[in-house]
N, C-alpha and C. Protein backbone atom coordinates (compact mmCIF):
# COMPACT_ATOMS: atom_id res chain seq x y z
N MET A 1 0.88 -1.20 0.02
CA MET A 1 -0.01 0.02 0.02
C MET A 1 0.87 1.24 -0.03
N PHE A 2 0.63 2.17 -0.96
CA PHE A 2 1.35 3.43 -0.98
C PHE A 2 0.63 4.46 -0.14
N MET A 3 1.30 4.92 0.88
CA MET A 3 0.67 5.79 1.83
C MET A 3 1.53 7.07 2.06
N LEU A 4 0.93 8.25 1.94
CA LEU A 4 1.65 9.46 2.12
C LEU A 4 1.45 9.96 3.55
N VAL A 5 2.36 10.83 3.97
CA VAL A 5 2.27 11.43 5.28
C VAL A 5 0.92 12.10 5.46
N ALA A 6 0.42 12.76 4.44
CA ALA A 6 -0.89 13.43 4.49
C ALA A 6 -2.02 12.54 4.97
N ASP A 7 -1.97 11.26 4.66
CA ASP A 7 -2.99 10.34 5.03
C ASP A 7 -3.07 10.01 6.52
N LEU A 8 -1.99 10.39 7.23
CA LEU A 8 -1.89 10.02 8.67
C LEU A 8 -2.10 11.22 9.64
N ILE A 9 -2.26 12.42 9.08
CA ILE A 9 -2.35 13.63 9.87
C ILE A 9 -3.65 13.58 10.78
N THR A 10 -3.48 13.94 12.02
CA THR A 10 -4.64 14.00 12.95
C THR A 10 -4.79 15.46 13.41
N ASP A 11 -6.05 15.84 13.63
CA ASP A 11 -6.32 17.18 14.22
C ASP A 11 -6.77 17.05 15.67
N GLU A 12 -6.63 15.86 16.23
CA GLU A 12 -7.06 15.57 17.60
C GLU A 12 -6.13 16.25 18.62
N ILE A 13 -4.89 16.52 18.24
CA ILE A 13 -3.92 17.13 19.16
C ILE A 13 -3.52 18.47 18.58
N PRO A 14 -4.05 19.58 19.18
CA PRO A 14 -3.72 20.91 18.65
C PRO A 14 -2.28 21.30 18.98
N PRO A 15 -1.70 22.17 18.21
CA PRO A 15 -0.34 22.65 18.50
C PRO A 15 -0.39 23.69 19.67
N LEU A 16 0.69 23.83 20.37
CA LEU A 16 0.86 24.89 21.33
C LEU A 16 1.15 26.21 20.61
N LYS A 17 0.71 27.29 21.09
CA LYS A 17 1.12 28.61 20.67
C LYS A 17 2.44 28.95 21.34
N HIS A 18 3.26 29.71 20.64
CA HIS A 18 4.55 30.04 21.24
C HIS A 18 4.43 30.85 22.52
N THR A 19 3.26 31.40 22.80
CA THR A 19 3.01 32.16 24.02
C THR A 19 2.34 31.33 25.14
N ASP A 20 2.11 30.05 24.91
CA ASP A 20 1.60 29.14 25.94
C ASP A 20 2.66 28.86 26.95
N THR A 21 2.24 28.46 28.17
CA THR A 21 3.19 28.23 29.24
C THR A 21 3.71 26.82 29.32
N VAL A 22 4.80 26.65 30.07
CA VAL A 22 5.38 25.34 30.30
C VAL A 22 4.38 24.45 31.01
N GLU A 23 3.63 24.99 31.98
CA GLU A 23 2.63 24.21 32.73
C GLU A 23 1.51 23.69 31.77
N MET A 24 1.08 24.54 30.81
CA MET A 24 0.06 24.11 29.86
C MET A 24 0.62 23.01 28.96
N ALA A 25 1.86 23.14 28.53
CA ALA A 25 2.48 22.13 27.67
C ALA A 25 2.52 20.78 28.36
N LEU A 26 2.93 20.77 29.63
CA LEU A 26 2.97 19.50 30.40
C LEU A 26 1.60 18.92 30.64
N ASP A 27 0.61 19.79 30.86
CA ASP A 27 -0.80 19.29 31.02
C ASP A 27 -1.29 18.65 29.79
N TRP A 28 -0.98 19.24 28.60
CA TRP A 28 -1.45 18.65 27.33
C TRP A 28 -0.73 17.36 27.02
N MET A 29 0.56 17.25 27.37
CA MET A 29 1.28 16.03 27.12
C MET A 29 0.65 14.91 27.92
N GLU A 30 0.29 15.17 29.19
CA GLU A 30 -0.35 14.13 29.95
C GLU A 30 -1.73 13.80 29.40
N GLN A 31 -2.45 14.78 28.98
CA GLN A 31 -3.80 14.55 28.47
C GLN A 31 -3.80 13.74 27.19
N PHE A 32 -2.83 14.01 26.29
CA PHE A 32 -2.81 13.36 25.00
C PHE A 32 -1.87 12.19 24.92
N LYS A 33 -1.18 11.86 26.06
CA LYS A 33 -0.32 10.72 26.13
C LYS A 33 0.84 10.76 25.13
N VAL A 34 1.48 11.93 25.05
CA VAL A 34 2.65 12.10 24.21
C VAL A 34 3.72 12.76 24.97
N SER A 35 4.94 12.74 24.47
CA SER A 35 6.08 13.36 25.16
C SER A 35 6.61 14.54 24.33
N HIS A 36 5.91 14.85 23.22
CA HIS A 36 6.34 15.98 22.39
C HIS A 36 5.06 16.72 21.92
N LEU A 37 5.21 18.01 21.70
CA LEU A 37 4.08 18.80 21.13
C LEU A 37 4.67 19.82 20.17
N ALA A 38 3.90 20.11 19.10
CA ALA A 38 4.31 21.15 18.14
C ALA A 38 4.08 22.48 18.76
N VAL A 39 4.93 23.46 18.41
CA VAL A 39 4.75 24.82 18.84
C VAL A 39 4.73 25.73 17.56
N VAL A 40 3.71 26.52 17.45
CA VAL A 40 3.54 27.34 16.24
C VAL A 40 3.34 28.82 16.61
N LYS A 41 3.67 29.65 15.65
CA LYS A 41 3.32 31.08 15.68
C LYS A 41 2.55 31.38 14.46
N ASP A 42 1.26 31.71 14.64
CA ASP A 42 0.35 31.68 13.43
C ASP A 42 0.40 30.27 12.85
N ARG A 43 0.84 30.13 11.58
CA ARG A 43 0.97 28.79 11.02
C ARG A 43 2.41 28.36 10.78
N GLU A 44 3.34 29.17 11.34
CA GLU A 44 4.77 28.89 11.22
C GLU A 44 5.17 27.90 12.34
N LEU A 45 5.84 26.86 11.97
CA LEU A 45 6.34 25.93 12.96
C LEU A 45 7.58 26.45 13.64
N ILE A 46 7.46 26.65 14.95
CA ILE A 46 8.67 27.10 15.71
C ILE A 46 9.53 25.85 16.07
N GLY A 47 8.90 24.74 16.36
CA GLY A 47 9.62 23.51 16.71
C GLY A 47 8.76 22.60 17.53
N LEU A 48 9.44 21.57 18.07
CA LEU A 48 8.78 20.60 18.97
C LEU A 48 9.36 20.78 20.38
N VAL A 49 8.51 20.86 21.36
CA VAL A 49 8.96 20.92 22.76
C VAL A 49 8.80 19.51 23.33
N SER A 50 9.76 19.08 24.13
CA SER A 50 9.74 17.74 24.70
C SER A 50 9.52 17.74 26.19
N GLU A 51 8.88 16.70 26.65
CA GLU A 51 8.62 16.56 28.09
C GLU A 51 9.95 16.52 28.86
N HIS A 52 10.95 15.91 28.30
CA HIS A 52 12.27 15.77 28.99
C HIS A 52 12.82 17.15 29.32
N ASP A 53 12.64 18.13 28.41
CA ASP A 53 13.18 19.46 28.67
C ASP A 53 12.39 20.30 29.65
N LEU A 54 11.11 19.89 29.89
CA LEU A 54 10.22 20.67 30.71
C LEU A 54 10.04 20.15 32.13
N MET A 55 10.26 18.84 32.34
CA MET A 55 9.94 18.21 33.60
C MET A 55 10.53 18.86 34.81
N ASP A 56 11.80 19.26 34.71
CA ASP A 56 12.51 19.81 35.85
C ASP A 56 12.58 21.37 35.75
N TYR A 57 11.75 21.95 34.92
CA TYR A 57 11.80 23.37 34.77
C TYR A 57 11.24 24.04 36.01
N ASN A 58 11.92 25.08 36.50
CA ASN A 58 11.56 25.71 37.77
C ASN A 58 10.52 26.85 37.59
N HIS A 59 10.13 27.14 36.35
CA HIS A 59 9.24 28.29 36.15
C HIS A 59 8.04 27.83 35.26
N PRO A 60 7.08 27.13 35.87
CA PRO A 60 5.98 26.57 35.08
C PRO A 60 5.11 27.62 34.40
N ASP A 61 5.18 28.86 34.88
CA ASP A 61 4.36 29.91 34.27
C ASP A 61 5.10 30.62 33.12
N GLU A 62 6.34 30.21 32.89
CA GLU A 62 7.12 30.81 31.81
C GLU A 62 6.60 30.40 30.44
N LYS A 63 6.66 31.24 29.48
CA LYS A 63 6.14 30.98 28.15
C LYS A 63 7.13 30.17 27.31
N ILE A 64 6.60 29.41 26.39
CA ILE A 64 7.45 28.54 25.57
C ILE A 64 8.50 29.36 24.86
N ASN A 65 8.14 30.55 24.32
CA ASN A 65 9.13 31.33 23.58
C ASN A 65 10.18 31.99 24.47
N GLU A 66 10.07 31.74 25.77
CA GLU A 66 11.12 32.27 26.69
C GLU A 66 12.05 31.14 27.18
N LEU A 67 11.82 29.94 26.73
CA LEU A 67 12.70 28.83 27.10
C LEU A 67 14.11 29.02 26.66
N LYS A 68 15.04 28.61 27.49
CA LYS A 68 16.47 28.71 27.14
C LYS A 68 16.90 27.53 26.20
N ALA A 69 16.31 26.36 26.39
CA ALA A 69 16.68 25.22 25.57
C ALA A 69 16.12 25.36 24.17
N PRO A 70 16.91 25.10 23.13
CA PRO A 70 16.37 25.19 21.76
C PRO A 70 15.34 24.05 21.49
N LEU A 71 14.34 24.36 20.64
CA LEU A 71 13.34 23.34 20.32
C LEU A 71 13.87 22.47 19.18
N LEU A 72 13.39 21.22 19.19
CA LEU A 72 13.67 20.31 18.08
C LEU A 72 12.95 20.80 16.87
N LYS A 73 13.50 20.63 15.63
CA LYS A 73 12.79 20.99 14.48
C LYS A 73 12.98 19.99 13.31
N PRO A 74 12.59 18.74 13.55
CA PRO A 74 12.65 17.79 12.43
C PRO A 74 11.56 18.14 11.40
N ILE A 75 11.90 18.04 10.12
CA ILE A 75 10.95 18.53 9.06
C ILE A 75 10.47 17.32 8.30
N ILE A 76 9.11 17.22 8.17
CA ILE A 76 8.48 16.27 7.29
C ILE A 76 7.31 16.98 6.60
N HIS A 77 7.13 16.68 5.32
CA HIS A 77 6.08 17.33 4.55
C HIS A 77 4.94 16.34 4.20
N ASN A 78 3.76 16.90 3.96
CA ASN A 78 2.60 16.12 3.76
C ASN A 78 2.64 15.25 2.51
N TYR A 79 3.53 15.56 1.56
CA TYR A 79 3.63 14.81 0.33
C TYR A 79 4.67 13.73 0.38
N GLN A 80 5.38 13.58 1.50
CA GLN A 80 6.41 12.53 1.62
C GLN A 80 5.79 11.17 2.01
N HIS A 81 6.57 10.10 1.84
CA HIS A 81 6.07 8.76 2.13
C HIS A 81 6.22 8.42 3.60
N THR A 82 5.41 7.46 4.07
CA THR A 82 5.48 7.12 5.49
C THR A 82 6.81 6.48 5.88
N TYR A 83 7.54 5.92 4.92
CA TYR A 83 8.86 5.39 5.27
C TYR A 83 9.78 6.47 5.72
N ASP A 84 9.70 7.66 5.02
CA ASP A 84 10.48 8.85 5.45
C ASP A 84 10.06 9.29 6.85
N LEU A 85 8.77 9.24 7.09
CA LEU A 85 8.26 9.60 8.43
C LEU A 85 8.74 8.71 9.50
N LEU A 86 8.73 7.39 9.27
CA LEU A 86 9.19 6.44 10.27
C LEU A 86 10.66 6.64 10.58
N LYS A 87 11.48 6.82 9.55
CA LYS A 87 12.93 7.00 9.71
C LYS A 87 13.17 8.25 10.58
N LEU A 88 12.44 9.33 10.32
CA LEU A 88 12.65 10.59 11.07
C LEU A 88 12.21 10.45 12.55
N MET A 89 11.09 9.79 12.75
CA MET A 89 10.58 9.65 14.08
C MET A 89 11.46 8.77 14.94
N MET A 90 12.01 7.72 14.31
CA MET A 90 12.93 6.83 15.03
C MET A 90 14.26 7.51 15.29
N SER A 91 14.73 8.33 14.38
CA SER A 91 16.05 9.01 14.51
C SER A 91 16.00 9.95 15.70
N PHE A 92 14.86 10.67 15.86
CA PHE A 92 14.76 11.65 16.96
C PHE A 92 14.04 11.12 18.17
N ASN A 93 13.63 9.82 18.14
CA ASN A 93 12.92 9.20 19.22
C ASN A 93 11.65 10.05 19.62
N LEU A 94 10.82 10.33 18.63
CA LEU A 94 9.65 11.17 18.78
C LEU A 94 8.40 10.40 19.08
N THR A 95 7.52 10.96 19.86
CA THR A 95 6.15 10.45 20.06
C THR A 95 5.13 11.21 19.20
N LEU A 96 5.55 12.35 18.68
CA LEU A 96 4.73 13.17 17.84
C LEU A 96 5.62 13.97 16.94
N ILE A 97 5.12 14.19 15.68
CA ILE A 97 5.89 15.05 14.74
C ILE A 97 4.97 15.97 14.05
N ALA A 98 5.43 17.16 13.79
CA ALA A 98 4.63 18.17 13.06
C ALA A 98 4.79 18.00 11.54
N VAL A 99 3.75 18.24 10.80
CA VAL A 99 3.79 18.11 9.34
C VAL A 99 3.61 19.46 8.72
N LEU A 100 4.42 19.74 7.65
CA LEU A 100 4.35 21.01 6.92
C LEU A 100 3.71 20.75 5.53
N ASP A 101 3.08 21.77 4.99
CA ASP A 101 2.55 21.63 3.62
C ASP A 101 3.60 22.17 2.68
N ASP A 102 3.23 22.19 1.35
CA ASP A 102 4.19 22.66 0.35
C ASP A 102 4.60 24.10 0.44
N LYS A 103 3.90 24.87 1.29
CA LYS A 103 4.28 26.28 1.48
C LYS A 103 4.99 26.46 2.81
N GLU A 104 5.48 25.35 3.38
CA GLU A 104 6.18 25.37 4.65
C GLU A 104 5.40 25.86 5.85
N GLN A 105 4.09 25.68 5.77
CA GLN A 105 3.17 26.08 6.83
C GLN A 105 2.75 24.81 7.61
N TYR A 106 2.41 25.01 8.93
CA TYR A 106 1.97 23.89 9.72
C TYR A 106 0.67 23.35 9.21
N LYS A 107 0.69 22.02 8.99
CA LYS A 107 -0.51 21.32 8.47
C LYS A 107 -1.23 20.49 9.51
N GLY A 108 -0.51 19.91 10.42
CA GLY A 108 -1.10 19.07 11.49
C GLY A 108 0.04 18.23 12.10
N CYS A 109 -0.33 17.20 12.78
CA CYS A 109 0.68 16.37 13.43
C CYS A 109 0.33 14.87 13.25
N ILE A 110 1.32 14.06 13.52
CA ILE A 110 1.16 12.60 13.49
C ILE A 110 1.78 12.04 14.77
N THR A 111 1.11 11.14 15.43
CA THR A 111 1.60 10.53 16.66
C THR A 111 2.29 9.19 16.31
N LEU A 112 3.12 8.74 17.21
CA LEU A 112 3.80 7.45 17.05
C LEU A 112 2.75 6.35 17.07
N LYS A 113 1.74 6.46 17.93
CA LYS A 113 0.71 5.43 18.01
C LYS A 113 -0.06 5.33 16.66
N GLY A 114 -0.39 6.50 16.10
CA GLY A 114 -1.10 6.50 14.79
C GLY A 114 -0.26 5.87 13.68
N LEU A 115 1.06 6.24 13.75
CA LEU A 115 1.95 5.66 12.73
C LEU A 115 2.05 4.17 12.81
N LEU A 116 2.21 3.64 14.02
CA LEU A 116 2.33 2.17 14.23
C LEU A 116 1.03 1.45 13.79
N GLN A 117 -0.13 2.02 14.07
CA GLN A 117 -1.40 1.40 13.70
C GLN A 117 -1.48 1.31 12.16
N ASN A 118 -1.02 2.37 11.47
CA ASN A 118 -1.08 2.34 10.01
C ASN A 118 -0.02 1.42 9.41
N ILE A 119 1.17 1.31 10.06
CA ILE A 119 2.20 0.42 9.55
C ILE A 119 1.68 -1.03 9.66
N SER A 120 0.97 -1.29 10.76
CA SER A 120 0.44 -2.69 10.94
C SER A 120 -0.54 -3.01 9.79
N THR A 121 -1.29 -2.01 9.33
CA THR A 121 -2.23 -2.20 8.23
C THR A 121 -1.40 -2.42 6.91
N MET A 122 -0.40 -1.58 6.70
CA MET A 122 0.41 -1.70 5.48
C MET A 122 1.10 -3.05 5.44
N ALA A 123 1.54 -3.54 6.54
CA ALA A 123 2.24 -4.85 6.58
C ALA A 123 1.32 -6.06 6.70
N SER A 124 0.01 -5.78 6.66
CA SER A 124 -1.01 -6.86 6.72
C SER A 124 -0.90 -7.75 7.94
N VAL A 125 -0.43 -7.13 9.07
CA VAL A 125 -0.24 -7.88 10.31
C VAL A 125 -1.54 -8.52 10.74
N GLN A 126 -2.69 -7.89 10.55
CA GLN A 126 -3.93 -8.42 11.06
C GLN A 126 -4.64 -9.27 10.09
N ASN A 127 -4.07 -9.50 8.87
CA ASN A 127 -4.68 -10.43 7.91
C ASN A 127 -4.14 -11.83 8.13
N LEU A 128 -5.03 -12.84 8.11
CA LEU A 128 -4.57 -14.19 8.24
C LEU A 128 -3.75 -14.57 7.03
N GLY A 129 -2.79 -15.47 7.21
CA GLY A 129 -1.97 -15.91 6.14
C GLY A 129 -0.67 -16.49 6.66
N GLY A 130 0.31 -16.68 5.80
CA GLY A 130 1.58 -17.21 6.19
C GLY A 130 2.72 -16.27 5.88
N VAL A 131 3.87 -16.45 6.50
CA VAL A 131 5.04 -15.64 6.32
C VAL A 131 6.18 -16.48 5.86
N ILE A 132 6.89 -15.98 4.88
CA ILE A 132 8.07 -16.70 4.30
C ILE A 132 9.24 -15.73 4.34
N VAL A 133 10.41 -16.16 4.82
CA VAL A 133 11.60 -15.32 4.84
C VAL A 133 12.65 -16.02 3.88
N LEU A 134 13.01 -15.29 2.85
CA LEU A 134 14.02 -15.81 1.90
C LEU A 134 15.30 -15.02 2.04
N GLU A 135 16.42 -15.69 1.66
CA GLU A 135 17.71 -15.03 1.59
C GLU A 135 18.22 -15.19 0.16
N VAL A 136 18.46 -14.08 -0.56
CA VAL A 136 18.93 -14.18 -1.94
C VAL A 136 20.08 -13.20 -2.14
N ASN A 137 20.91 -13.48 -3.15
CA ASN A 137 21.96 -12.56 -3.58
C ASN A 137 21.30 -11.28 -4.15
N GLN A 138 21.84 -10.14 -3.83
CA GLN A 138 21.34 -8.90 -4.30
C GLN A 138 21.20 -8.88 -5.82
N ALA A 139 22.21 -9.48 -6.51
CA ALA A 139 22.20 -9.49 -7.99
C ALA A 139 21.11 -10.37 -8.54
N ASP A 140 20.65 -11.37 -7.73
CA ASP A 140 19.66 -12.30 -8.22
C ASP A 140 18.21 -11.94 -7.75
N TYR A 141 18.12 -10.90 -6.94
CA TYR A 141 16.80 -10.60 -6.37
C TYR A 141 15.84 -10.10 -7.43
N SER A 142 14.67 -10.72 -7.52
CA SER A 142 13.64 -10.31 -8.51
C SER A 142 12.29 -10.54 -7.81
N LEU A 143 11.61 -9.46 -7.43
CA LEU A 143 10.31 -9.56 -6.83
C LEU A 143 9.34 -10.17 -7.89
N THR A 144 9.56 -9.87 -9.16
CA THR A 144 8.67 -10.36 -10.19
C THR A 144 8.69 -11.92 -10.21
N GLN A 145 9.87 -12.44 -10.12
CA GLN A 145 10.00 -13.92 -10.11
C GLN A 145 9.40 -14.56 -8.83
N ILE A 146 9.70 -13.88 -7.73
CA ILE A 146 9.12 -14.38 -6.41
C ILE A 146 7.63 -14.33 -6.48
N ALA A 147 7.03 -13.26 -7.01
CA ALA A 147 5.59 -13.15 -7.11
C ALA A 147 5.03 -14.15 -8.04
N SER A 148 5.72 -14.47 -9.11
CA SER A 148 5.29 -15.46 -10.09
C SER A 148 5.20 -16.86 -9.42
N ILE A 149 6.20 -17.17 -8.58
CA ILE A 149 6.21 -18.45 -7.86
C ILE A 149 4.98 -18.54 -6.90
N ILE A 150 4.75 -17.46 -6.19
CA ILE A 150 3.65 -17.48 -5.22
C ILE A 150 2.33 -17.52 -5.94
N GLU A 151 2.15 -16.72 -6.96
CA GLU A 151 0.87 -16.68 -7.73
C GLU A 151 0.67 -17.96 -8.51
N GLY A 152 1.77 -18.66 -8.89
CA GLY A 152 1.67 -19.93 -9.56
C GLY A 152 1.12 -21.04 -8.63
N ASN A 153 1.14 -20.75 -7.34
CA ASN A 153 0.56 -21.65 -6.35
C ASN A 153 -0.73 -21.12 -5.78
N GLU A 154 -1.40 -20.34 -6.58
CA GLU A 154 -2.73 -19.81 -6.25
C GLU A 154 -2.74 -19.01 -4.93
N ALA A 155 -1.72 -18.16 -4.75
CA ALA A 155 -1.66 -17.32 -3.54
C ALA A 155 -1.25 -15.92 -4.03
N LYS A 156 -1.40 -14.95 -3.10
CA LYS A 156 -1.08 -13.55 -3.40
C LYS A 156 -0.15 -12.97 -2.31
N ILE A 157 0.72 -12.08 -2.69
CA ILE A 157 1.55 -11.41 -1.77
C ILE A 157 0.76 -10.24 -1.11
N LEU A 158 0.64 -10.26 0.18
CA LEU A 158 -0.07 -9.20 0.88
C LEU A 158 0.92 -8.06 1.23
N SER A 159 2.14 -8.37 1.58
CA SER A 159 3.17 -7.38 1.79
C SER A 159 4.55 -8.00 1.62
N ALA A 160 5.52 -7.11 1.34
CA ALA A 160 6.88 -7.61 1.18
C ALA A 160 7.83 -6.57 1.76
N HIS A 161 8.90 -7.06 2.40
CA HIS A 161 9.92 -6.21 3.02
C HIS A 161 11.26 -6.73 2.67
N VAL A 162 12.13 -5.86 2.16
CA VAL A 162 13.48 -6.28 1.81
C VAL A 162 14.51 -5.53 2.67
N SER A 163 15.44 -6.31 3.28
CA SER A 163 16.47 -5.63 4.07
C SER A 163 17.84 -6.29 3.76
N SER A 164 18.90 -5.51 3.86
CA SER A 164 20.26 -6.01 3.57
C SER A 164 20.72 -6.87 4.73
N VAL A 165 21.44 -7.91 4.41
CA VAL A 165 22.12 -8.76 5.39
C VAL A 165 23.48 -8.18 5.70
N PRO A 166 23.72 -7.83 6.94
CA PRO A 166 25.03 -7.12 7.31
C PRO A 166 26.26 -7.94 6.81
N ASP A 167 27.25 -7.21 6.30
CA ASP A 167 28.53 -7.73 5.92
C ASP A 167 28.39 -8.84 4.88
N SER A 168 27.49 -8.65 3.94
CA SER A 168 27.33 -9.62 2.85
C SER A 168 26.74 -8.93 1.61
N THR A 169 26.59 -9.68 0.54
CA THR A 169 25.95 -9.14 -0.63
C THR A 169 24.54 -9.73 -0.83
N LYS A 170 23.98 -10.18 0.31
CA LYS A 170 22.66 -10.83 0.26
C LYS A 170 21.58 -9.89 0.84
N VAL A 171 20.38 -10.19 0.46
CA VAL A 171 19.22 -9.46 1.06
C VAL A 171 18.27 -10.50 1.63
N GLU A 172 17.49 -10.03 2.64
CA GLU A 172 16.50 -10.88 3.26
C GLU A 172 15.14 -10.38 2.80
N VAL A 173 14.31 -11.22 2.27
CA VAL A 173 13.00 -10.86 1.75
C VAL A 173 11.95 -11.50 2.63
N THR A 174 11.16 -10.70 3.31
CA THR A 174 10.11 -11.20 4.16
C THR A 174 8.78 -10.99 3.41
N LEU A 175 8.06 -12.08 3.23
CA LEU A 175 6.81 -12.07 2.44
C LEU A 175 5.66 -12.49 3.32
N LYS A 176 4.56 -11.70 3.24
CA LYS A 176 3.29 -12.13 3.88
C LYS A 176 2.37 -12.50 2.71
N VAL A 177 1.87 -13.78 2.76
CA VAL A 177 0.95 -14.24 1.65
C VAL A 177 -0.39 -14.59 2.29
N ASN A 178 -1.36 -14.72 1.42
CA ASN A 178 -2.76 -14.91 1.93
C ASN A 178 -3.13 -16.36 2.11
N LYS A 179 -2.13 -17.25 2.32
CA LYS A 179 -2.40 -18.67 2.57
C LYS A 179 -1.65 -19.08 3.81
N GLU A 180 -2.35 -19.83 4.66
CA GLU A 180 -1.67 -20.36 5.83
C GLU A 180 -0.86 -21.61 5.55
N ASP A 181 -1.34 -22.45 4.60
CA ASP A 181 -0.64 -23.67 4.22
C ASP A 181 0.40 -23.32 3.15
N LEU A 182 1.64 -23.26 3.55
CA LEU A 182 2.71 -22.82 2.63
C LEU A 182 3.46 -23.93 1.96
N SER A 183 3.05 -25.19 2.14
CA SER A 183 3.83 -26.32 1.76
C SER A 183 4.16 -26.30 0.26
N ARG A 184 3.14 -26.09 -0.61
CA ARG A 184 3.35 -26.05 -2.02
C ARG A 184 4.25 -24.91 -2.44
N ILE A 185 4.07 -23.75 -1.84
CA ILE A 185 4.90 -22.58 -2.16
C ILE A 185 6.31 -22.85 -1.78
N LEU A 186 6.56 -23.38 -0.59
CA LEU A 186 7.93 -23.66 -0.16
C LEU A 186 8.60 -24.72 -1.03
N GLN A 187 7.87 -25.73 -1.44
CA GLN A 187 8.45 -26.77 -2.36
C GLN A 187 8.92 -26.13 -3.59
N THR A 188 8.12 -25.15 -4.14
CA THR A 188 8.52 -24.51 -5.37
C THR A 188 9.76 -23.63 -5.19
N PHE A 189 9.84 -22.93 -4.10
CA PHE A 189 11.07 -22.11 -3.82
C PHE A 189 12.28 -23.08 -3.71
N TYR A 190 12.13 -24.16 -3.07
CA TYR A 190 13.27 -25.11 -2.96
C TYR A 190 13.64 -25.61 -4.35
N ARG A 191 12.66 -25.84 -5.20
CA ARG A 191 12.93 -26.38 -6.57
C ARG A 191 13.69 -25.34 -7.39
N TYR A 192 13.49 -24.11 -7.12
CA TYR A 192 14.19 -22.98 -7.81
C TYR A 192 15.44 -22.56 -7.04
N ASN A 193 15.86 -23.35 -6.06
CA ASN A 193 17.12 -23.18 -5.32
C ASN A 193 17.13 -21.86 -4.51
N TYR A 194 15.94 -21.48 -3.98
CA TYR A 194 15.92 -20.38 -3.06
C TYR A 194 16.25 -20.86 -1.67
N VAL A 195 16.90 -19.98 -0.89
CA VAL A 195 17.20 -20.28 0.50
C VAL A 195 16.05 -19.75 1.32
N VAL A 196 15.33 -20.67 1.99
CA VAL A 196 14.24 -20.30 2.85
C VAL A 196 14.77 -20.26 4.30
N LYS A 197 14.88 -19.05 4.87
CA LYS A 197 15.42 -18.93 6.20
C LYS A 197 14.41 -19.29 7.28
N ALA A 198 13.16 -19.02 6.97
CA ALA A 198 12.09 -19.27 7.95
C ALA A 198 10.74 -19.24 7.27
N SER A 199 9.78 -19.89 7.88
CA SER A 199 8.39 -19.82 7.44
C SER A 199 7.47 -20.02 8.65
N PHE A 200 6.33 -19.37 8.58
CA PHE A 200 5.32 -19.47 9.64
C PHE A 200 3.99 -19.79 8.96
N GLN A 201 3.42 -20.96 9.26
CA GLN A 201 2.34 -21.47 8.50
C GLN A 201 0.95 -21.48 9.19
N ASN A 202 0.85 -20.89 10.38
CA ASN A 202 -0.44 -20.93 11.03
C ASN A 202 -0.79 -19.59 11.66
N SER A 203 -2.01 -19.55 12.14
CA SER A 203 -2.53 -18.30 12.62
C SER A 203 -1.92 -17.89 13.96
N ASP A 204 -1.22 -18.81 14.62
CA ASP A 204 -0.58 -18.49 15.90
C ASP A 204 0.42 -17.33 15.72
N PHE A 205 1.14 -17.35 14.57
CA PHE A 205 2.06 -16.25 14.32
C PHE A 205 1.30 -14.91 14.16
N GLU A 206 0.16 -14.98 13.46
CA GLU A 206 -0.59 -13.74 13.24
C GLU A 206 -1.17 -13.22 14.56
N SER A 207 -1.75 -14.12 15.30
CA SER A 207 -2.33 -13.63 16.59
C SER A 207 -1.26 -13.14 17.53
N GLY A 208 -0.06 -13.81 17.51
CA GLY A 208 1.01 -13.37 18.35
C GLY A 208 1.45 -11.97 18.01
N MET A 209 1.62 -11.71 16.70
CA MET A 209 2.05 -10.42 16.23
C MET A 209 1.02 -9.35 16.61
N LYS A 210 -0.28 -9.70 16.42
CA LYS A 210 -1.34 -8.75 16.71
C LYS A 210 -1.37 -8.45 18.22
N ASN A 211 -1.18 -9.49 19.02
CA ASN A 211 -1.20 -9.26 20.50
C ASN A 211 -0.03 -8.38 20.94
N LYS A 212 1.14 -8.59 20.31
CA LYS A 212 2.32 -7.77 20.65
C LYS A 212 2.00 -6.31 20.28
N LEU A 213 1.44 -6.08 19.06
CA LEU A 213 1.13 -4.77 18.64
C LEU A 213 0.10 -4.12 19.59
N ASP A 214 -0.94 -4.88 19.93
CA ASP A 214 -2.01 -4.33 20.86
C ASP A 214 -1.40 -4.00 22.23
N GLU A 215 -0.48 -4.84 22.71
CA GLU A 215 0.15 -4.61 24.00
C GLU A 215 1.01 -3.32 23.92
N PHE A 216 1.72 -3.13 22.84
CA PHE A 216 2.55 -1.94 22.71
C PHE A 216 1.69 -0.66 22.61
N LEU A 217 0.61 -0.73 21.85
CA LEU A 217 -0.29 0.41 21.69
C LEU A 217 -0.95 0.74 23.01
N HIS A 218 -1.25 -0.33 23.86
CA HIS A 218 -1.81 -0.11 25.13
C HIS A 218 -0.81 0.59 26.04
N PHE A 219 0.47 0.15 25.91
CA PHE A 219 1.56 0.79 26.66
C PHE A 219 1.64 2.26 26.35
N LEU A 220 1.50 2.64 25.08
CA LEU A 220 1.59 4.06 24.66
C LEU A 220 0.46 4.91 25.25
N ASN A 221 -0.65 4.23 25.66
CA ASN A 221 -1.79 4.93 26.20
C ASN A 221 -1.66 5.13 27.73
N ILE A 222 -0.67 4.49 28.34
CA ILE A 222 -0.52 4.56 29.80
C ILE A 222 0.10 5.91 30.16
């Protein structure tokens, strides 16, 4: 699924004004279960204020624009892909990020919880099926051929993820397919000399992944 940052924007968490107080910022963070909030002046993004920088602040009535610590200002635009968003949020360890439009104006925000929920949809975590992990040489990798093998066994790829194997010229291909019984598909991969690193053929894997995701999302709400 091709998903843009614009598809994930929420208006449930308003931005702080640069004239709001430290006390108000902390109250909102507790209310919305986040550790970061956007700060704007009109529609200009001033930056992100973090709970870490405010917790031990001795002047709760001081305004955000009077803070001595500089605000974070990671930039993401509404037309970028969610993979760019994920990389940026993980790099800065953010629970919320502000989104700008094509005129560099504040558009809205995205929370880590919202991002994870949408990634689970993109990866088909909640769809029943099987998972196959292949290891192939980078030069030999062909998603077209892999898809042909799977579709030749009357199955469909629900999601695919490719990652480099450290210190090698190989890649690891993780496939989610819409069949739980993978025996015929695996036999075909073996026949074509593919290295199958792992496979998961029953709904226990799916329910386990879903439970882990639900537990993590519940943790974010605490």
